[in-house]
Amino acid sequence: MVETEHLSVSIVIVNFFSHRLIVELLQSIHIVDYSKIVVVDNSNDITEWAGLTTALSDFPVDTISMSSNVGFGAAVNEGVRSLNLDQDDFLWILNPDTIPTRNAGLDLARFMVASDFDLASPVLMTGEESESVWFSGGYFDHNFGRTVHSVKVQDLDSSHSFLTAAAMMMRRRNWDKLVGFREDLFMYWEDADLCIRAQSLGFRLGVASDVIVWHAVGATSSSSGRSRLFHYYMQRNRIIVLRELFGTRYLCGWKRIAESLKLLRRAAIENDGRLGKVHHSLKGIRDGILDRRGSL
């Protein structure tokens, strides 16, 4: 067992009109176990900033206000820069709509030390009345150009090729080798891109099956199914990343095209705002092909 005092774990959280959720997150953990915690505010809203700083005033947390909504990847990168971590320190990226068990961060770091994984995630649960596994590992399906979540808890030494960024942990030295998240995608597929690059560097990706974090999937995006932005960025960023990593010929294969159509169908069967979501999904395909980046 690795001694707690030898571990330095810091947390980065990106806020987008979710300060109430962040309070619940911070209340769930043993906050003195963490070396540093920073919340990066992407809301670009005076009222939200006031609510955030007031709500967090009783917590030992640093806050950073971005001048605009710079997107998930850029906000995380800024948060990491502000922490000034040593190379062996652990960095834990947490979505604001997650609730870790009390000792989850240190347990995850201990797991990484004991198993020698370079990147790691806890098991993510979702649901309130009836909880279910949302993520317990994953892989990149090269045939269809997609990421796949496993909902079956696997052995501790199982290796994976994809980890969601909802509760991803790594040491600072590996973050530096990966040069952080790319900043031109704005939202979605940053974790897929990072994991594919990590695999190319020979990094090992693992999931601690006995470390649990609850995740309110989609809580910060839309209350009526997936948002228009989800359907847009999932299509566009997938096309951009796959073409960059594997080339246009790969992207034009029928299985990758079939996956784009599958994503389009997901928009078409939404209960609310179906036409707008289909429009945004199609626009994402177009902008991906045209290599249009940044925010919509």
C-alpha atoms as a PDB file:
ATOM      1  CA  MET A   1       0.000   0.000   0.000  1.00  0.00           C
ATOM      2  CA  VAL A   2       1.299   3.448  -0.953  1.00  0.00           C
ATOM      3  CA  GLU A   3       1.432   5.891   1.950  1.00  0.00           C
ATOM      4  CA  THR A   4      -1.004   8.814   1.598  1.00  0.00           C
ATOM      5  CA  GLU A   5       1.553  11.449   2.583  1.00  0.00           C
ATOM      6  CA  HIS A   6       3.740  10.592  -0.399  1.00  0.00           C
ATOM      7  CA  LEU A   7       0.994  11.430  -2.881  1.00  0.00           C
ATOM      8  CA  SER A   8       0.263  14.912  -4.200  1.00  0.00           C
ATOM      9  CA  VAL A   9      -3.085  15.081  -6.037  1.00  0.00           C
ATOM     10  CA  SER A  10      -4.527  18.295  -7.485  1.00  0.00           C
ATOM     11  CA  ILE A  11      -7.900  18.842  -9.154  1.00  0.00           C
ATOM     12  CA  VAL A  12      -8.997  20.911 -12.160  1.00  0.00           C
ATOM     13  CA  ILE A  13     -12.708  21.592 -12.700  1.00  0.00           C
ATOM     14  CA  VAL A  14     -14.193  23.590 -15.584  1.00  0.00           C
ATOM     15  CA  ASN A  15     -17.302  25.568 -14.698  1.00  0.00           C
ATOM     16  CA  PHE A  16     -20.030  26.513 -17.167  1.00  0.00           C
ATOM     17  CA  PHE A  17     -23.074  27.740 -15.232  1.00  0.00           C
ATOM     18  CA  SER A  18     -22.684  24.837 -12.822  1.00  0.00           C
ATOM     19  CA  HIS A  19     -21.426  26.324  -9.534  1.00  0.00           C
ATOM     20  CA  ARG A  20     -24.127  24.579  -7.496  1.00  0.00           C
ATOM     21  CA  LEU A  21     -22.963  21.219  -8.814  1.00  0.00           C
ATOM     22  CA  ILE A  22     -19.367  22.073  -7.951  1.00  0.00           C
ATOM     23  CA  VAL A  23     -20.354  22.763  -4.335  1.00  0.00           C
ATOM     24  CA  GLU A  24     -21.856  19.248  -4.155  1.00  0.00           C
ATOM     25  CA  LEU A  25     -18.665  17.819  -5.638  1.00  0.00           C
ATOM     26  CA  LEU A  26     -16.425  19.596  -3.129  1.00  0.00           C
ATOM     27  CA  GLN A  27     -18.645  18.585  -0.228  1.00  0.00           C
ATOM     28  CA  SER A  28     -18.335  14.934  -1.234  1.00  0.00           C
ATOM     29  CA  ILE A  29     -14.537  14.717  -0.989  1.00  0.00           C
ATOM     30  CA  HIS A  30     -12.081  14.954   1.908  1.00  0.00           C
ATOM     31  CA  ILE A  31     -10.816  18.262   0.629  1.00  0.00           C
ATOM     32  CA  VAL A  32      -7.672  18.471   2.804  1.00  0.00           C
ATOM     33  CA  ASP A  33      -6.315  15.394   1.003  1.00  0.00           C
ATOM     34  CA  TYR A  34      -5.744  17.472  -2.136  1.00  0.00           C
ATOM     35  CA  SER A  35      -2.729  19.687  -2.663  1.00  0.00           C
ATOM     36  CA  LYS A  36      -4.479  22.231  -4.872  1.00  0.00           C
ATOM     37  CA  ILE A  37      -7.905  22.655  -6.442  1.00  0.00           C
ATOM     38  CA  VAL A  38      -8.673  25.133  -9.220  1.00  0.00           C
ATOM     39  CA  VAL A  39     -12.013  25.948 -10.841  1.00  0.00           C
ATOM     40  CA  VAL A  40     -11.794  27.572 -14.262  1.00  0.00           C
ATOM     41  CA  ASP A  41     -14.928  29.557 -15.138  1.00  0.00           C
ATOM     42  CA  ASN A  42     -15.903  29.476 -18.795  1.00  0.00           C
ATOM     43  CA  SER A  43     -19.329  31.036 -18.238  1.00  0.00           C
ATOM     44  CA  ASN A  44     -18.313  34.605 -19.152  1.00  0.00           C
ATOM     45  CA  ASP A  45     -21.245  35.859 -17.081  1.00  0.00           C
ATOM     46  CA  ILE A  46     -21.037  38.331 -14.193  1.00  0.00           C
ATOM     47  CA  THR A  47     -23.915  36.752 -12.282  1.00  0.00           C
ATOM     48  CA  GLU A  48     -22.495  33.233 -12.587  1.00  0.00           C
ATOM     49  CA  TRP A  49     -19.028  34.424 -11.573  1.00  0.00           C
ATOM     50  CA  ALA A  50     -20.489  36.103  -8.491  1.00  0.00           C
ATOM     51  CA  GLY A  51     -22.449  32.959  -7.654  1.00  0.00           C
ATOM     52  CA  LEU A  52     -19.365  30.789  -8.148  1.00  0.00           C
ATOM     53  CA  THR A  53     -17.006  32.881  -6.012  1.00  0.00           C
ATOM     54  CA  THR A  54     -19.600  33.263  -3.261  1.00  0.00           C
ATOM     55  CA  ALA A  55     -20.434  29.552  -3.238  1.00  0.00           C
ATOM     56  CA  LEU A  56     -16.761  28.557  -3.090  1.00  0.00           C
ATOM     57  CA  SER A  57     -15.662  31.160  -0.555  1.00  0.00           C
ATOM     58  CA  ASP A  58     -15.639  28.586   2.260  1.00  0.00           C
ATOM     59  CA  PHE A  59     -13.500  26.101   0.308  1.00  0.00           C
ATOM     60  CA  PRO A  60      -9.692  26.234  -0.168  1.00  0.00           C
ATOM     61  CA  VAL A  61     -10.118  26.551  -3.927  1.00  0.00           C
ATOM     62  CA  ASP A  62      -8.582  28.886  -6.503  1.00  0.00           C
ATOM     63  CA  THR A  63     -10.817  30.323  -9.225  1.00  0.00           C
ATOM     64  CA  ILE A  64      -9.898  31.600 -12.667  1.00  0.00           C
ATOM     65  CA  SER A  65     -12.267  33.652 -14.821  1.00  0.00           C
ATOM     66  CA  MET A  66     -11.738  33.280 -18.553  1.00  0.00           C
ATOM     67  CA  SER A  67     -12.489  36.343 -20.675  1.00  0.00           C
ATOM     68  CA  SER A  68     -14.737  34.233 -22.895  1.00  0.00           C
ATOM     69  CA  ASN A  69     -15.900  30.636 -23.217  1.00  0.00           C
ATOM     70  CA  VAL A  70     -12.666  29.191 -24.560  1.00  0.00           C
ATOM     71  CA  GLY A  71     -13.901  25.592 -24.594  1.00  0.00           C
ATOM     72  CA  PHE A  72     -13.197  22.587 -22.410  1.00  0.00           C
ATOM     73  CA  GLY A  73      -9.661  21.755 -23.539  1.00  0.00           C
ATOM     74  CA  ALA A  74      -8.323  25.292 -23.339  1.00  0.00           C
ATOM     75  CA  ALA A  75      -9.893  25.808 -19.894  1.00  0.00           C
ATOM     76  CA  VAL A  76      -8.343  22.614 -18.503  1.00  0.00           C
ATOM     77  CA  ASN A  77      -4.965  23.569 -19.952  1.00  0.00           C
ATOM     78  CA  GLU A  78      -5.155  26.978 -18.265  1.00  0.00           C
ATOM     79  CA  GLY A  79      -6.106  25.352 -14.978  1.00  0.00           C
ATOM     80  CA  VAL A  80      -3.139  22.986 -15.131  1.00  0.00           C
ATOM     81  CA  ARG A  81      -0.739  25.842 -15.917  1.00  0.00           C
ATOM     82  CA  SER A  82      -1.987  27.744 -12.870  1.00  0.00           C
ATOM     83  CA  LEU A  83      -1.300  24.812 -10.536  1.00  0.00           C
ATOM     84  CA  ASN A  84       2.466  24.799 -11.159  1.00  0.00           C
ATOM     85  CA  LEU A  85       2.714  21.084 -10.372  1.00  0.00           C
ATOM     86  CA  ASP A  86       5.896  19.069  -9.981  1.00  0.00           C
ATOM     87  CA  GLN A  87       6.514  16.325 -12.530  1.00  0.00           C
ATOM     88  CA  ASP A  88       5.486  13.479 -10.204  1.00  0.00           C
ATOM     89  CA  ASP A  89       2.343  15.200  -8.923  1.00  0.00           C
ATOM     90  CA  PHE A  90      -1.016  13.758  -9.910  1.00  0.00           C
ATOM     91  CA  LEU A  91      -3.533  15.791 -11.897  1.00  0.00           C
ATOM     92  CA  TRP A  92      -7.215  14.858 -11.619  1.00  0.00           C
ATOM     93  CA  ILE A  93      -9.635  16.363 -14.142  1.00  0.00           C
ATOM     94  CA  LEU A  94     -13.209  16.298 -12.858  1.00  0.00           C
ATOM     95  CA  ASN A  95     -16.449  17.244 -14.562  1.00  0.00           C
ATOM     96  CA  PRO A  96     -18.552  19.561 -12.379  1.00  0.00           C
ATOM     97  CA  ASP A  97     -21.418  17.052 -12.485  1.00  0.00           C
ATOM     98  CA  THR A  98     -19.416  14.312 -10.766  1.00  0.00           C
ATOM     99  CA  ILE A  99     -19.607  13.253  -7.121  1.00  0.00           C
ATOM    100  CA  PRO A 100     -16.593  11.178  -6.059  1.00  0.00           C
ATOM    101  CA  THR A 101     -16.650   8.955  -3.026  1.00  0.00           C
ATOM    102  CA  ARG A 102     -14.804  10.548  -0.129  1.00  0.00           C
ATOM    103  CA  ASN A 103     -11.342   9.082  -0.754  1.00  0.00           C
ATOM    104  CA  ALA A 104     -11.653   8.486  -4.500  1.00  0.00           C
ATOM    105  CA  GLY A 105      -8.797  10.784  -5.581  1.00  0.00           C
ATOM    106  CA  LEU A 106      -6.135   9.299  -3.331  1.00  0.00           C
ATOM    107  CA  ASP A 107      -7.384   5.773  -4.004  1.00  0.00           C
ATOM    108  CA  LEU A 108      -7.084   6.391  -7.743  1.00  0.00           C
ATOM    109  CA  ALA A 109      -3.545   7.736  -7.337  1.00  0.00           C
ATOM    110  CA  ARG A 110      -2.604   4.705  -5.211  1.00  0.00           C
ATOM    111  CA  PHE A 111      -3.999   2.453  -7.917  1.00  0.00           C
ATOM    112  CA  MET A 112      -1.844   4.162 -10.533  1.00  0.00           C
ATOM    113  CA  VAL A 113       1.301   3.759  -8.462  1.00  0.00           C
ATOM    114  CA  ALA A 114       0.604   0.107  -7.676  1.00  0.00           C
ATOM    115  CA  SER A 115      -0.357  -0.849 -11.229  1.00  0.00           C
ATOM    116  CA  ASP A 116       2.013   1.459 -13.158  1.00  0.00           C
ATOM    117  CA  PHE A 117      -0.726   2.875 -15.397  1.00  0.00           C
ATOM    118  CA  ASP A 118       0.051   6.215 -17.061  1.00  0.00           C
ATOM    119  CA  LEU A 119      -3.559   7.422 -17.303  1.00  0.00           C
ATOM    120  CA  ALA A 120      -6.434   6.180 -15.176  1.00  0.00           C
ATOM    121  CA  SER A 121     -10.128   6.598 -14.480  1.00  0.00           C
ATOM    122  CA  PRO A 122     -12.464   5.426 -11.745  1.00  0.00           C
ATOM    123  CA  VAL A 123     -15.648   3.535 -12.523  1.00  0.00           C
ATOM    124  CA  LEU A 124     -18.352   6.097 -13.312  1.00  0.00           C
ATOM    125  CA  MET A 125     -21.892   5.396 -12.161  1.00  0.00           C
ATOM    126  CA  THR A 126     -25.044   7.262 -13.190  1.00  0.00           C
ATOM    127  CA  GLY A 127     -28.723   7.312 -12.297  1.00  0.00           C
ATOM    128  CA  GLU A 128     -30.408   8.240  -9.038  1.00  0.00           C
ATOM    129  CA  GLU A 129     -33.245   5.826  -8.231  1.00  0.00           C
ATOM    130  CA  SER A 130     -31.474   2.958  -9.966  1.00  0.00           C
ATOM    131  CA  GLU A 131     -27.729   3.370 -10.461  1.00  0.00           C
ATOM    132  CA  SER A 132     -25.936   1.768 -13.382  1.00  0.00           C
ATOM    133  CA  VAL A 133     -22.392   1.721 -14.704  1.00  0.00           C
ATOM    134  CA  TRP A 134     -21.823   4.489 -17.262  1.00  0.00           C
ATOM    135  CA  PHE A 135     -18.092   3.911 -17.781  1.00  0.00           C
ATOM    136  CA  SER A 136     -15.762   1.174 -16.590  1.00  0.00           C
ATOM    137  CA  GLY A 137     -13.213   1.349 -19.372  1.00  0.00           C
ATOM    138  CA  GLY A 138     -13.333   1.766 -23.097  1.00  0.00           C
ATOM    139  CA  TYR A 139     -11.624   1.338 -26.384  1.00  0.00           C
ATOM    140  CA  PHE A 140     -11.183   3.077 -29.694  1.00  0.00           C
ATOM    141  CA  ASP A 141     -12.936   1.123 -32.437  1.00  0.00           C
ATOM    142  CA  HIS A 142     -10.652   1.701 -35.413  1.00  0.00           C
ATOM    143  CA  ASN A 143     -13.067   0.046 -37.852  1.00  0.00           C
ATOM    144  CA  PHE A 144     -15.869   2.545 -37.268  1.00  0.00           C
ATOM    145  CA  GLY A 145     -13.809   5.448 -35.925  1.00  0.00           C
ATOM    146  CA  ARG A 146     -15.609   5.700 -32.599  1.00  0.00           C
ATOM    147  CA  THR A 147     -15.054   5.340 -28.885  1.00  0.00           C
ATOM    148  CA  VAL A 148     -16.888   2.602 -26.995  1.00  0.00           C
ATOM    149  CA  HIS A 149     -17.719   2.544 -23.294  1.00  0.00           C
ATOM    150  CA  SER A 150     -17.607  -0.690 -21.360  1.00  0.00           C
ATOM    151  CA  VAL A 151     -20.298  -1.039 -18.686  1.00  0.00           C
ATOM    152  CA  LYS A 152     -18.896  -4.293 -17.336  1.00  0.00           C
ATOM    153  CA  VAL A 153     -16.447  -3.836 -14.478  1.00  0.00           C
ATOM    154  CA  GLN A 154     -13.172  -5.526 -15.425  1.00  0.00           C
ATOM    155  CA  ASP A 155     -10.044  -6.734 -13.658  1.00  0.00           C
ATOM    156  CA  LEU A 156      -7.789  -4.117 -12.096  1.00  0.00           C
ATOM    157  CA  ASP A 157      -4.931  -4.917 -14.463  1.00  0.00           C
ATOM    158  CA  SER A 158      -7.045  -4.626 -17.626  1.00  0.00           C
ATOM    159  CA  SER A 159      -5.633  -2.192 -20.161  1.00  0.00           C
ATOM    160  CA  HIS A 160      -7.827   0.127 -22.246  1.00  0.00           C
ATOM    161  CA  SER A 161      -7.428   2.356 -25.286  1.00  0.00           C
ATOM    162  CA  PHE A 162      -9.956   5.034 -24.289  1.00  0.00           C
ATOM    163  CA  LEU A 163     -10.738   6.843 -21.041  1.00  0.00           C
ATOM    164  CA  THR A 164     -13.394   9.500 -20.653  1.00  0.00           C
ATOM    165  CA  ALA A 165     -12.163  12.891 -19.435  1.00  0.00           C
ATOM    166  CA  ALA A 166     -14.984  13.080 -16.868  1.00  0.00           C
ATOM    167  CA  ALA A 167     -12.639  11.882 -14.093  1.00  0.00           C
ATOM    168  CA  MET A 168      -9.275  11.250 -15.777  1.00  0.00           C
ATOM    169  CA  MET A 169      -6.038  11.229 -13.771  1.00  0.00           C
ATOM    170  CA  MET A 170      -2.378  11.292 -14.780  1.00  0.00           C
ATOM    171  CA  ARG A 171       0.971  12.552 -13.507  1.00  0.00           C
ATOM    172  CA  ARG A 172       2.126  15.993 -14.580  1.00  0.00           C
ATOM    173  CA  ARG A 173       5.058  14.540 -16.510  1.00  0.00           C
ATOM    174  CA  ASN A 174       2.700  12.569 -18.760  1.00  0.00           C
ATOM    175  CA  TRP A 175       0.425  15.577 -19.187  1.00  0.00           C
ATOM    176  CA  ASP A 176       3.469  17.476 -20.448  1.00  0.00           C
ATOM    177  CA  LYS A 177       4.422  14.687 -22.845  1.00  0.00           C
ATOM    178  CA  LEU A 178       0.916  14.841 -24.285  1.00  0.00           C
ATOM    179  CA  VAL A 179       1.027  18.675 -24.347  1.00  0.00           C
ATOM    180  CA  GLY A 180      -2.393  18.675 -22.673  1.00  0.00           C
ATOM    181  CA  PHE A 181      -5.695  18.805 -24.522  1.00  0.00           C
ATOM    182  CA  ARG A 182      -5.897  20.286 -27.972  1.00  0.00           C
ATOM    183  CA  GLU A 183      -7.738  23.624 -27.912  1.00  0.00           C
ATOM    184  CA  ASP A 184      -9.301  23.877 -31.368  1.00  0.00           C
ATOM    185  CA  LEU A 185     -12.177  21.402 -30.824  1.00  0.00           C
ATOM    186  CA  PHE A 186     -14.008  23.511 -28.220  1.00  0.00           C
ATOM    187  CA  MET A 187     -15.938  20.586 -26.722  1.00  0.00           C
ATOM    188  CA  TYR A 188     -16.170  16.803 -27.213  1.00  0.00           C
ATOM    189  CA  TRP A 189     -13.590  14.373 -28.611  1.00  0.00           C
ATOM    190  CA  GLU A 190     -10.694  16.014 -26.719  1.00  0.00           C
ATOM    191  CA  ASP A 191     -10.432  12.887 -24.569  1.00  0.00           C
ATOM    192  CA  ALA A 192     -10.550  10.552 -27.582  1.00  0.00           C
ATOM    193  CA  ASP A 193      -7.788  12.534 -29.295  1.00  0.00           C
ATOM    194  CA  LEU A 194      -5.696  12.574 -26.112  1.00  0.00           C
ATOM    195  CA  CYS A 195      -6.068   8.818 -25.576  1.00  0.00           C
ATOM    196  CA  ILE A 196      -5.170   7.982 -29.177  1.00  0.00           C
ATOM    197  CA  ARG A 197      -2.044  10.107 -28.832  1.00  0.00           C
ATOM    198  CA  ALA A 198      -1.268   8.505 -25.468  1.00  0.00           C
ATOM    199  CA  GLN A 199      -1.477   5.060 -27.051  1.00  0.00           C
ATOM    200  CA  SER A 200       0.928   6.162 -29.782  1.00  0.00           C
ATOM    201  CA  LEU A 201       3.438   7.077 -27.037  1.00  0.00           C
ATOM    202  CA  GLY A 202       3.086   3.658 -25.455  1.00  0.00           C
ATOM    203  CA  PHE A 203       1.138   4.870 -22.419  1.00  0.00           C
ATOM    204  CA  ARG A 204      -0.941   2.360 -20.465  1.00  0.00           C
ATOM    205  CA  LEU A 205      -4.552   3.303 -19.692  1.00  0.00           C
ATOM    206  CA  GLY A 206      -6.337   1.686 -16.772  1.00  0.00           C
ATOM    207  CA  VAL A 207      -9.543   1.779 -14.721  1.00  0.00           C
ATOM    208  CA  ALA A 208      -9.636   1.330 -10.949  1.00  0.00           C
ATOM    209  CA  SER A 209     -12.633  -0.948 -10.561  1.00  0.00           C
ATOM    210  CA  ASP A 210     -12.896  -0.316  -6.818  1.00  0.00           C
ATOM    211  CA  VAL A 211     -12.883   3.498  -7.084  1.00  0.00           C
ATOM    212  CA  ILE A 212     -16.337   4.957  -7.725  1.00  0.00           C
ATOM    213  CA  VAL A 213     -17.450   8.374  -8.975  1.00  0.00           C
ATOM    214  CA  TRP A 214     -21.087   9.237  -9.655  1.00  0.00           C
ATOM    215  CA  HIS A 215     -21.720  11.178 -12.877  1.00  0.00           C
ATOM    216  CA  ALA A 216     -24.905  13.063 -13.778  1.00  0.00           C
ATOM    217  CA  VAL A 217     -24.495  12.486 -17.522  1.00  0.00           C
ATOM    218  CA  GLY A 218     -25.358  15.596 -19.540  1.00  0.00           C
ATOM    219  CA  ALA A 219     -26.327  17.650 -16.489  1.00  0.00           C
ATOM    220  CA  THR A 220     -24.448  20.715 -17.718  1.00  0.00           C
ATOM    221  CA  SER A 221     -25.652  20.624 -21.336  1.00  0.00           C
ATOM    222  CA  SER A 222     -29.402  20.140 -21.773  1.00  0.00           C
ATOM    223  CA  SER A 223     -32.451  19.092 -19.797  1.00  0.00           C
ATOM    224  CA  SER A 224     -34.237  17.730 -22.868  1.00  0.00           C
ATOM    225  CA  GLY A 225     -31.996  15.033 -24.243  1.00  0.00           C
ATOM    226  CA  ARG A 226     -28.676  15.835 -25.878  1.00  0.00           C
ATOM    227  CA  SER A 227     -28.170  19.461 -26.856  1.00  0.00           C
ATOM    228  CA  ARG A 228     -27.787  20.829 -30.368  1.00  0.00           C
ATOM    229  CA  LEU A 229     -24.168  21.581 -29.531  1.00  0.00           C
ATOM    230  CA  PHE A 230     -23.572  17.942 -28.597  1.00  0.00           C
ATOM    231  CA  HIS A 231     -24.794  16.757 -31.984  1.00  0.00           C
ATOM    232  CA  TYR A 232     -22.779  19.423 -33.806  1.00  0.00           C
ATOM    233  CA  TYR A 233     -19.443  18.955 -32.053  1.00  0.00           C
ATOM    234  CA  MET A 234     -19.603  15.165 -31.902  1.00  0.00           C
ATOM    235  CA  GLN A 235     -19.927  15.036 -35.680  1.00  0.00           C
ATOM    236  CA  ARG A 236     -17.479  17.809 -36.526  1.00  0.00           C
ATOM    237  CA  ASN A 237     -14.705  16.950 -34.073  1.00  0.00           C
ATOM    238  CA  ARG A 238     -14.799  13.239 -34.824  1.00  0.00           C
ATOM    239  CA  ILE A 239     -14.213  13.985 -38.517  1.00  0.00           C
ATOM    240  CA  ILE A 240     -11.420  16.483 -37.786  1.00  0.00           C
ATOM    241  CA  VAL A 241      -9.567  14.176 -35.381  1.00  0.00           C
ATOM    242  CA  LEU A 242      -9.879  11.036 -37.527  1.00  0.00           C
ATOM    243  CA  ARG A 243      -8.717  12.771 -40.688  1.00  0.00           C
ATOM    244  CA  GLU A 244      -5.696  14.274 -38.909  1.00  0.00           C
ATOM    245  CA  LEU A 245      -4.661  11.015 -37.268  1.00  0.00           C
ATOM    246  CA  PHE A 246      -5.450   8.507 -40.018  1.00  0.00           C
ATOM    247  CA  GLY A 247      -5.925  10.450 -43.266  1.00  0.00           C
ATOM    248  CA  THR A 248      -8.762  11.268 -45.644  1.00  0.00           C
ATOM    249  CA  ARG A 249      -8.791   7.818 -47.229  1.00  0.00           C
ATOM    250  CA  TYR A 250      -9.447   6.206 -43.864  1.00  0.00           C
ATOM    251  CA  LEU A 251     -12.191   8.704 -43.070  1.00  0.00           C
ATOM    252  CA  CYS A 252     -13.976   7.948 -46.355  1.00  0.00           C
ATOM    253  CA  GLY A 253     -14.291   4.213 -45.626  1.00  0.00           C
ATOM    254  CA  TRP A 254     -17.863   2.979 -45.549  1.00  0.00           C
ATOM    255  CA  LYS A 255     -17.756   1.984 -41.877  1.00  0.00           C
ATOM    256  CA  ARG A 256     -16.663   5.474 -40.824  1.00  0.00           C
ATOM    257  CA  ILE A 257     -19.404   6.970 -43.025  1.00  0.00           C
ATOM    258  CA  ALA A 258     -21.898   4.562 -41.451  1.00  0.00           C
ATOM    259  CA  GLU A 259     -20.906   5.853 -38.013  1.00  0.00           C
ATOM    260  CA  SER A 260     -21.571   9.449 -39.115  1.00  0.00           C
ATOM    261  CA  LEU A 261     -25.027   8.373 -40.289  1.00  0.00           C
ATOM    262  CA  LYS A 262     -25.599   6.614 -36.967  1.00  0.00           C
ATOM    263  CA  LEU A 263     -24.813   9.853 -35.135  1.00  0.00           C
ATOM    264  CA  LEU A 264     -27.211  11.669 -37.444  1.00  0.00           C
ATOM    265  CA  ARG A 265     -29.908   9.164 -36.595  1.00  0.00           C
ATOM    266  CA  ARG A 266     -29.354   9.837 -32.887  1.00  0.00           C
ATOM    267  CA  ALA A 267     -30.317  13.454 -33.529  1.00  0.00           C
ATOM    268  CA  ALA A 268     -33.318  12.377 -35.602  1.00  0.00           C
ATOM    269  CA  ILE A 269     -34.847  10.280 -32.806  1.00  0.00           C
ATOM    270  CA  GLU A 270     -34.513  12.895 -30.058  1.00  0.00           C
ATOM    271  CA  ASN A 271     -37.775  13.616 -28.268  1.00  0.00           C
ATOM    272  CA  ASP A 272     -37.399  17.402 -28.246  1.00  0.00           C
ATOM    273  CA  GLY A 273     -36.047  19.831 -30.816  1.00  0.00           C
ATOM    274  CA  ARG A 274     -35.502  17.098 -33.360  1.00  0.00           C
ATOM    275  CA  LEU A 275     -35.271  19.262 -36.481  1.00  0.00           C
ATOM    276  CA  GLY A 276     -32.791  21.676 -34.910  1.00  0.00           C
ATOM    277  CA  LYS A 277     -30.621  18.834 -33.700  1.00  0.00           C
ATOM    278  CA  VAL A 278     -30.623  17.134 -37.106  1.00  0.00           C
ATOM    279  CA  HIS A 279     -29.666  20.472 -38.651  1.00  0.00           C
ATOM    280  CA  HIS A 280     -26.755  20.849 -36.230  1.00  0.00           C
ATOM    281  CA  SER A 281     -25.623  17.268 -36.821  1.00  0.00           C
ATOM    282  CA  LEU A 282     -25.559  17.854 -40.583  1.00  0.00           C
ATOM    283  CA  LYS A 283     -23.789  21.161 -40.055  1.00  0.00           C
ATOM    284  CA  GLY A 284     -21.195  19.340 -37.964  1.00  0.00           C
ATOM    285  CA  ILE A 285     -20.537  16.913 -40.813  1.00  0.00           C
ATOM    286  CA  ARG A 286     -20.158  19.804 -43.242  1.00  0.00           C
ATOM    287  CA  ASP A 287     -17.842  21.810 -40.983  1.00  0.00           C
ATOM    288  CA  GLY A 288     -15.776  18.730 -40.220  1.00  0.00           C
ATOM    289  CA  ILE A 289     -15.247  18.122 -43.917  1.00  0.00           C
ATOM    290  CA  LEU A 290     -14.407  21.815 -44.396  1.00  0.00           C
ATOM    291  CA  ASP A 291     -12.070  21.697 -41.363  1.00  0.00           C
ATOM    292  CA  ARG A 292     -13.804  24.539 -39.539  1.00  0.00           C
ATOM    293  CA  ARG A 293     -12.595  24.641 -35.935  1.00  0.00           C
ATOM    294  CA  GLY A 294     -13.188  26.542 -32.729  1.00  0.00           C
ATOM    295  CA  SER A 295     -16.578  27.473 -31.300  1.00  0.00           C
ATOM    296  CA  LEU A 296     -19.787  27.455 -33.293  1.00  0.00           C
END
